[in-house]
Amino acid sequence: MRTRIHACLLTCIAMSLALAAALPAHSKGVTLRYKQSQGDRAVYKFASSARARIDVQQGLTTSQAEMSLQMSVSTEVTDISPEGDLRIQAQITSGGMKLKAEGEQSTAPVENVVVNYMISPQAGVRNAELVAGNPPMFPGIFLAFMPDDAFLLGGLAQLPAKPLSPGETWSGTAHVPTGDGETEDVPYKSKLLGMVQFRGRPCAKIRTMAKVTETSTEDAPDGSGTMTAKATITRDTTWLLDYERGVIMSADSTDRLSLTLEGTDETGENSTATISGALNSRAQLLEFNGQKLPAK
């Protein structure tokens, strides 16, 4: 009996080892990295649209605005450090903006913007240097757009050091470039939703959520009182990372903005204004190293 049990155990162990060897690597967990090679080039299409509402003194005065932006972004890996950091030059090569408010509509081209980035293998933005141009901005809701909005989720595409299996989560604080040489700390939480095929490439499907709240109080320029501003922005993004080439394939984001302004004049009288808005964005990889991605 013992001999049969022993033989059965050996057979089960052998079968288990054979089965494990036959399973795809990501069943044990996949390590996600932003790991392109020197000279790699990518072209992205980025589009964003927003609606904003301004409410003064609880309905005394209200107005609405609609804004949209389209831009093309190109990137090139110009150098790689011994630690694996990527030096990337990215630029907004073309685009346009539309604004509709109070019955009037205006359009404007997006100027060429060039930014040099240093990005870690975990997709952390170590440095972002604006070389040329002024990043486009939606007026009223104070949202500026950088090239990394197209290829790096605006700095939120953070990757963990550990291997991941579908369903696992990770969180941290991203140092997001603001466009003026500064960075903003944004807490985020991400989840690996699964492994999928997208346009012929093996991709990790990820959901990332982030929220940032800021409050500041300043004296009015004319000394007549004070003004306090409180802003909250939340972002929900689902994105696809080609984990073999280390390049983001697509990203769909929804941002919600709430801004409250409270003022007090020298007599103690208060005034309030609120700005609320929703913004939807989509980034898509169109070309990688000169090869256009298939439509499906």
Protein backbone atom coordinates (compact mmCIF):
# COMPACT_ATOMS: atom_id res chain seq x y z
CA MET A 1 0.00 0.00 0.00
CA ARG A 2 2.78 2.41 0.92
CA THR A 3 4.50 1.64 -2.36
CA ARG A 4 1.35 2.51 -4.29
CA ILE A 5 0.83 5.73 -2.32
CA HIS A 6 4.48 6.65 -2.84
CA ALA A 7 4.21 5.98 -6.56
CA CYS A 8 0.97 7.98 -6.74
CA LEU A 9 2.58 10.96 -4.97
CA LEU A 10 5.56 10.90 -7.32
CA THR A 11 3.21 10.82 -10.30
CA CYS A 12 1.18 13.77 -8.94
CA ILE A 13 4.35 15.78 -8.31
CA ALA A 14 5.65 15.08 -11.83
CA MET A 15 2.31 16.07 -13.37
CA SER A 16 2.19 19.26 -11.29
CA LEU A 17 5.70 20.25 -12.39
CA ALA A 18 4.87 19.55 -16.02
CA LEU A 19 1.67 21.58 -15.76
CA ALA A 20 3.48 24.50 -14.13
CA ALA A 21 6.08 24.51 -16.88
CA ALA A 22 3.34 24.60 -19.51
CA LEU A 23 1.50 27.55 -17.98
CA PRO A 24 2.14 31.05 -19.41
CA ALA A 25 4.54 33.19 -17.42
CA HIS A 26 1.94 35.70 -16.28
CA SER A 27 -0.02 32.99 -14.39
CA LYS A 28 2.72 33.24 -11.76
CA GLY A 29 2.68 36.99 -11.92
CA VAL A 30 4.05 39.42 -14.44
CA THR A 31 6.56 42.18 -13.72
CA LEU A 32 5.48 45.40 -15.40
CA ARG A 33 8.18 47.80 -16.52
CA TYR A 34 8.49 50.96 -18.59
CA LYS A 35 11.47 49.57 -20.50
CA GLN A 36 11.77 50.89 -24.03
CA SER A 37 15.07 50.85 -25.93
CA GLN A 38 17.22 53.78 -26.98
CA GLY A 39 15.91 55.19 -30.25
CA ASP A 40 12.36 53.89 -29.76
CA ARG A 41 9.79 56.30 -31.15
CA ALA A 42 6.05 56.52 -30.58
CA VAL A 43 3.21 58.64 -31.92
CA TYR A 44 0.03 59.23 -29.92
CA LYS A 45 -3.33 60.82 -30.51
CA PHE A 46 -4.87 62.57 -27.50
CA ALA A 47 -8.35 64.05 -27.20
CA SER A 48 -10.11 65.65 -24.25
CA SER A 49 -13.46 67.36 -23.73
CA ALA A 50 -14.83 69.16 -20.70
CA ARG A 51 -17.92 70.87 -19.41
CA ALA A 52 -17.74 73.43 -16.63
CA ARG A 53 -20.36 75.31 -14.64
CA ILE A 54 -19.77 78.51 -12.67
CA ASP A 55 -22.21 79.41 -9.91
CA VAL A 56 -21.90 82.73 -8.04
CA GLN A 57 -23.74 83.40 -4.77
CA GLN A 58 -25.89 80.25 -4.98
CA GLY A 59 -27.47 80.88 -8.34
CA LEU A 60 -27.31 84.67 -8.44
CA THR A 61 -25.16 84.31 -11.55
CA THR A 62 -24.51 81.08 -13.41
CA SER A 63 -22.71 80.27 -16.63
CA GLN A 64 -21.56 77.17 -18.47
CA ALA A 65 -18.71 76.42 -20.81
CA GLU A 66 -17.69 73.55 -23.08
CA MET A 67 -14.10 72.94 -24.09
CA SER A 68 -12.32 70.40 -26.27
CA LEU A 69 -8.73 69.66 -27.17
CA GLN A 70 -7.06 67.43 -29.72
CA MET A 71 -3.31 67.02 -30.05
CA SER A 72 -0.70 64.77 -31.60
CA VAL A 73 2.25 63.76 -29.46
CA SER A 74 5.54 62.16 -30.49
CA THR A 75 8.17 60.65 -28.19
CA GLU A 76 11.75 59.41 -28.62
CA VAL A 77 14.00 57.63 -26.14
CA THR A 78 17.26 59.56 -26.45
CA ASP A 79 19.28 57.87 -23.69
CA ILE A 80 19.16 55.18 -21.00
CA SER A 81 21.06 55.45 -17.73
CA PRO A 82 22.94 52.50 -16.16
CA GLU A 83 20.05 52.28 -13.64
CA GLY A 84 17.53 51.88 -16.43
CA ASP A 85 16.09 55.40 -16.34
CA LEU A 86 14.83 56.56 -19.73
CA ARG A 87 15.55 60.02 -21.09
CA ILE A 88 12.66 60.85 -23.39
CA GLN A 89 12.09 63.91 -25.53
CA ALA A 90 8.36 64.36 -26.10
CA GLN A 91 6.55 67.04 -28.00
CA ILE A 92 3.09 68.19 -28.93
CA THR A 93 3.44 68.45 -32.69
CA SER A 94 -0.03 69.74 -33.65
CA GLY A 95 -3.52 70.20 -32.35
CA GLY A 96 -6.36 72.59 -31.68
CA MET A 97 -8.73 73.82 -28.98
CA LYS A 98 -12.38 74.86 -29.03
CA LEU A 99 -14.24 76.91 -26.44
CA LYS A 100 -17.98 77.55 -26.28
CA ALA A 101 -19.32 79.87 -23.58
CA GLU A 102 -22.24 82.27 -23.25
CA GLY A 103 -23.36 81.65 -26.82
CA GLU A 104 -19.98 82.36 -28.36
CA GLN A 105 -17.49 79.92 -29.83
CA SER A 106 -13.77 80.30 -30.44
CA THR A 107 -10.98 78.10 -31.74
CA ALA A 108 -7.22 78.25 -31.38
CA PRO A 109 -4.30 76.13 -32.57
CA VAL A 110 -2.09 74.31 -30.10
CA GLU A 111 1.50 75.45 -30.36
CA ASN A 112 4.50 73.16 -30.48
CA VAL A 113 5.55 72.10 -26.98
CA VAL A 114 8.80 70.22 -26.25
CA VAL A 115 9.56 68.59 -22.90
CA ASN A 116 12.56 66.50 -21.82
CA TYR A 117 11.70 63.76 -19.32
CA MET A 118 13.66 61.40 -17.12
CA ILE A 119 11.49 58.37 -16.33
CA SER A 120 12.25 55.39 -14.08
CA PRO A 121 11.59 51.75 -15.05
CA GLN A 122 8.52 51.95 -12.74
CA ALA A 123 7.29 54.90 -14.87
CA GLY A 124 7.97 57.49 -12.20
CA VAL A 125 8.73 60.95 -13.59
CA ARG A 126 12.07 61.92 -12.04
CA ASN A 127 12.33 65.17 -13.98
CA ALA A 128 10.37 67.12 -16.58
CA GLU A 129 12.02 70.11 -18.26
CA LEU A 130 9.94 72.36 -20.49
CA VAL A 131 12.20 73.20 -23.43
CA ALA A 132 9.86 75.08 -25.76
CA GLY A 133 6.29 76.29 -26.02
CA ASN A 134 3.43 76.82 -23.59
CA PRO A 135 1.29 73.79 -22.65
CA PRO A 136 -2.36 74.26 -23.69
CA MET A 137 -4.80 75.00 -20.86
CA PHE A 138 -8.55 74.90 -20.44
CA PRO A 139 -9.53 78.37 -19.17
CA GLY A 140 -11.58 78.66 -16.02
CA ILE A 141 -10.86 75.16 -14.71
CA PHE A 142 -7.08 75.63 -14.68
CA LEU A 143 -6.15 72.31 -16.31
CA ALA A 144 -2.99 72.34 -18.40
CA PHE A 145 -1.95 69.54 -20.76
CA MET A 146 1.56 68.17 -21.18
CA PRO A 147 2.94 65.58 -23.64
CA ASP A 148 3.01 63.01 -20.81
CA ASP A 149 -0.81 63.15 -20.65
CA ALA A 150 -0.72 61.15 -23.87
CA PHE A 151 2.05 58.64 -23.20
CA LEU A 152 2.27 58.39 -19.39
CA LEU A 153 -1.17 59.23 -17.92
CA GLY A 154 0.13 62.58 -16.84
CA GLY A 155 2.60 60.87 -14.50
CA LEU A 156 0.09 58.48 -12.88
CA ALA A 157 1.19 55.33 -14.75
CA GLN A 158 3.15 54.07 -11.74
CA LEU A 159 4.26 50.42 -11.71
CA PRO A 160 5.21 48.31 -8.67
CA ALA A 161 8.51 46.46 -8.28
CA LYS A 162 6.85 43.13 -7.42
CA PRO A 163 5.33 40.67 -9.91
CA LEU A 164 1.56 40.98 -10.21
CA SER A 165 -1.33 38.61 -10.81
CA PRO A 166 -4.79 39.69 -12.01
CA GLY A 167 -6.77 41.20 -9.17
CA GLU A 168 -3.77 42.51 -7.23
CA THR A 169 -3.57 46.18 -6.23
CA TRP A 170 -0.82 48.65 -5.39
CA SER A 171 -0.78 52.27 -4.26
CA GLY A 172 1.57 55.15 -3.61
CA THR A 173 2.21 58.81 -4.36
CA ALA A 174 3.04 60.01 -7.86
CA HIS A 175 5.16 63.11 -8.45
CA VAL A 176 3.19 64.67 -11.30
CA PRO A 177 4.83 67.44 -13.40
CA THR A 178 2.76 70.64 -13.46
CA GLY A 179 4.26 72.28 -16.54
CA ASP A 180 6.07 75.09 -14.70
CA GLY A 181 9.08 73.09 -13.56
CA GLU A 182 7.37 71.98 -10.35
CA THR A 183 5.79 68.67 -9.35
CA GLU A 184 2.61 67.86 -7.47
CA ASP A 185 2.26 64.87 -5.13
CA VAL A 186 -0.84 62.86 -6.05
CA PRO A 187 -1.91 59.74 -4.09
CA TYR A 188 -3.11 56.92 -6.35
CA LYS A 189 -4.33 53.33 -6.21
CA SER A 190 -4.09 50.87 -9.09
CA LYS A 191 -5.42 47.39 -9.83
CA LEU A 192 -4.37 44.84 -12.45
CA LEU A 193 -7.69 43.90 -14.02
CA GLY A 194 -6.30 41.19 -16.27
CA MET A 195 -4.16 40.24 -19.26
CA VAL A 196 -5.62 40.93 -22.71
CA GLN A 197 -4.70 41.07 -26.38
CA PHE A 198 -5.06 44.51 -27.97
CA ARG A 199 -4.27 45.20 -31.61
CA GLY A 200 -2.04 42.17 -31.78
CA ARG A 201 -0.08 42.95 -28.62
CA PRO A 202 -0.11 41.30 -25.15
CA CYS A 203 -1.26 43.93 -22.65
CA ALA A 204 -1.89 44.39 -18.96
CA LYS A 205 -5.25 46.04 -18.34
CA ILE A 206 -4.99 48.40 -15.35
CA ARG A 207 -7.34 50.72 -13.51
CA THR A 208 -5.87 53.71 -11.67
CA MET A 209 -7.74 56.08 -9.38
CA ALA A 210 -6.36 59.31 -7.91
CA LYS A 211 -7.61 62.22 -5.85
CA VAL A 212 -6.01 65.50 -4.87
CA THR A 213 -7.39 68.30 -2.69
CA GLU A 214 -5.77 71.68 -2.11
CA THR A 215 -6.78 74.71 -0.03
CA SER A 216 -5.15 78.13 0.02
CA THR A 217 -5.98 81.55 1.47
CA GLU A 218 -4.57 84.82 0.20
CA ASP A 219 -5.10 88.53 0.72
CA ALA A 220 -6.87 90.40 -2.06
CA PRO A 221 -4.41 92.39 -4.23
CA ASP A 222 -6.07 95.67 -3.22
CA GLY A 223 -6.05 94.79 0.46
CA SER A 224 -9.85 94.80 0.66
CA GLY A 225 -10.16 91.34 2.18
CA THR A 226 -9.17 87.70 1.80
CA MET A 227 -9.94 84.91 -0.65
CA THR A 228 -9.94 81.18 0.13
CA ALA A 229 -9.89 78.56 -2.63
CA LYS A 230 -10.50 74.84 -2.19
CA ALA A 231 -10.11 72.53 -5.18
CA THR A 232 -10.68 68.78 -5.47
CA ILE A 233 -9.89 66.72 -8.57
CA THR A 234 -10.56 62.99 -8.91
CA ARG A 235 -9.40 60.82 -11.81
CA ASP A 236 -10.47 57.34 -12.89
CA THR A 237 -8.37 55.80 -15.68
CA THR A 238 -8.41 52.42 -17.40
CA TRP A 239 -5.28 51.80 -19.46
CA LEU A 240 -3.42 49.13 -21.41
CA LEU A 241 0.32 48.53 -21.11
CA ASP A 242 2.16 46.45 -23.71
CA TYR A 243 4.31 44.70 -21.09
CA GLU A 244 6.74 43.19 -23.62
CA ARG A 245 7.70 46.50 -25.23
CA GLY A 246 7.04 48.62 -22.15
CA VAL A 247 4.77 51.13 -23.89
CA ILE A 248 1.27 52.35 -23.07
CA MET A 249 -1.18 51.42 -25.83
CA SER A 250 -4.31 53.30 -24.75
CA ALA A 251 -5.89 55.12 -21.81
CA ASP A 252 -9.42 56.34 -21.06
CA SER A 253 -9.84 58.82 -18.19
CA THR A 254 -12.64 60.67 -16.45
CA ASP A 255 -11.76 63.68 -14.28
CA ARG A 256 -14.14 65.51 -11.98
CA LEU A 257 -13.32 68.97 -10.67
CA SER A 258 -14.82 70.97 -7.82
CA LEU A 259 -13.50 74.44 -6.98
CA THR A 260 -14.96 76.70 -4.28
CA LEU A 261 -13.94 80.35 -3.87
CA GLU A 262 -14.92 82.21 -0.70
CA GLY A 263 -14.12 85.87 -0.22
CA THR A 264 -14.43 88.19 2.78
CA ASP A 265 -14.20 91.95 2.36
CA GLU A 266 -13.04 94.50 4.91
CA THR A 267 -16.59 94.87 6.28
CA GLY A 268 -16.86 91.14 6.93
CA GLU A 269 -19.33 90.47 4.10
CA ASN A 270 -18.87 87.09 2.41
CA SER A 271 -19.14 86.09 -1.24
CA THR A 272 -18.88 82.64 -2.82
CA ALA A 273 -18.41 81.11 -6.23
CA THR A 274 -18.18 77.48 -7.27
CA ILE A 275 -16.79 75.92 -10.40
CA SER A 276 -17.61 72.29 -11.19
CA GLY A 277 -16.59 70.32 -14.22
CA ALA A 278 -16.21 66.91 -15.79
CA LEU A 279 -13.50 66.01 -18.28
CA ASN A 280 -13.16 62.90 -20.45
CA SER A 281 -9.86 62.06 -22.15
CA ARG A 282 -8.56 59.34 -24.44
CA ALA A 283 -4.98 58.58 -25.47
CA GLN A 284 -4.17 56.11 -28.25
CA LEU A 285 -0.87 54.82 -29.58
CA LEU A 286 -0.88 55.19 -33.38
CA GLU A 287 2.68 54.22 -34.36
CA PHE A 288 5.66 52.55 -32.74
CA ASN A 289 9.05 52.73 -34.44
CA GLY A 290 7.45 53.75 -37.72
CA GLN A 291 4.94 50.92 -37.79
CA LYS A 292 1.29 51.82 -37.63
CA LEU A 293 -0.85 49.79 -35.29
CA PRO A 294 -3.60 47.70 -36.88
CA ALA A 295 -7.13 49.08 -36.63
CA LYS A 296 -8.21 46.08 -34.54
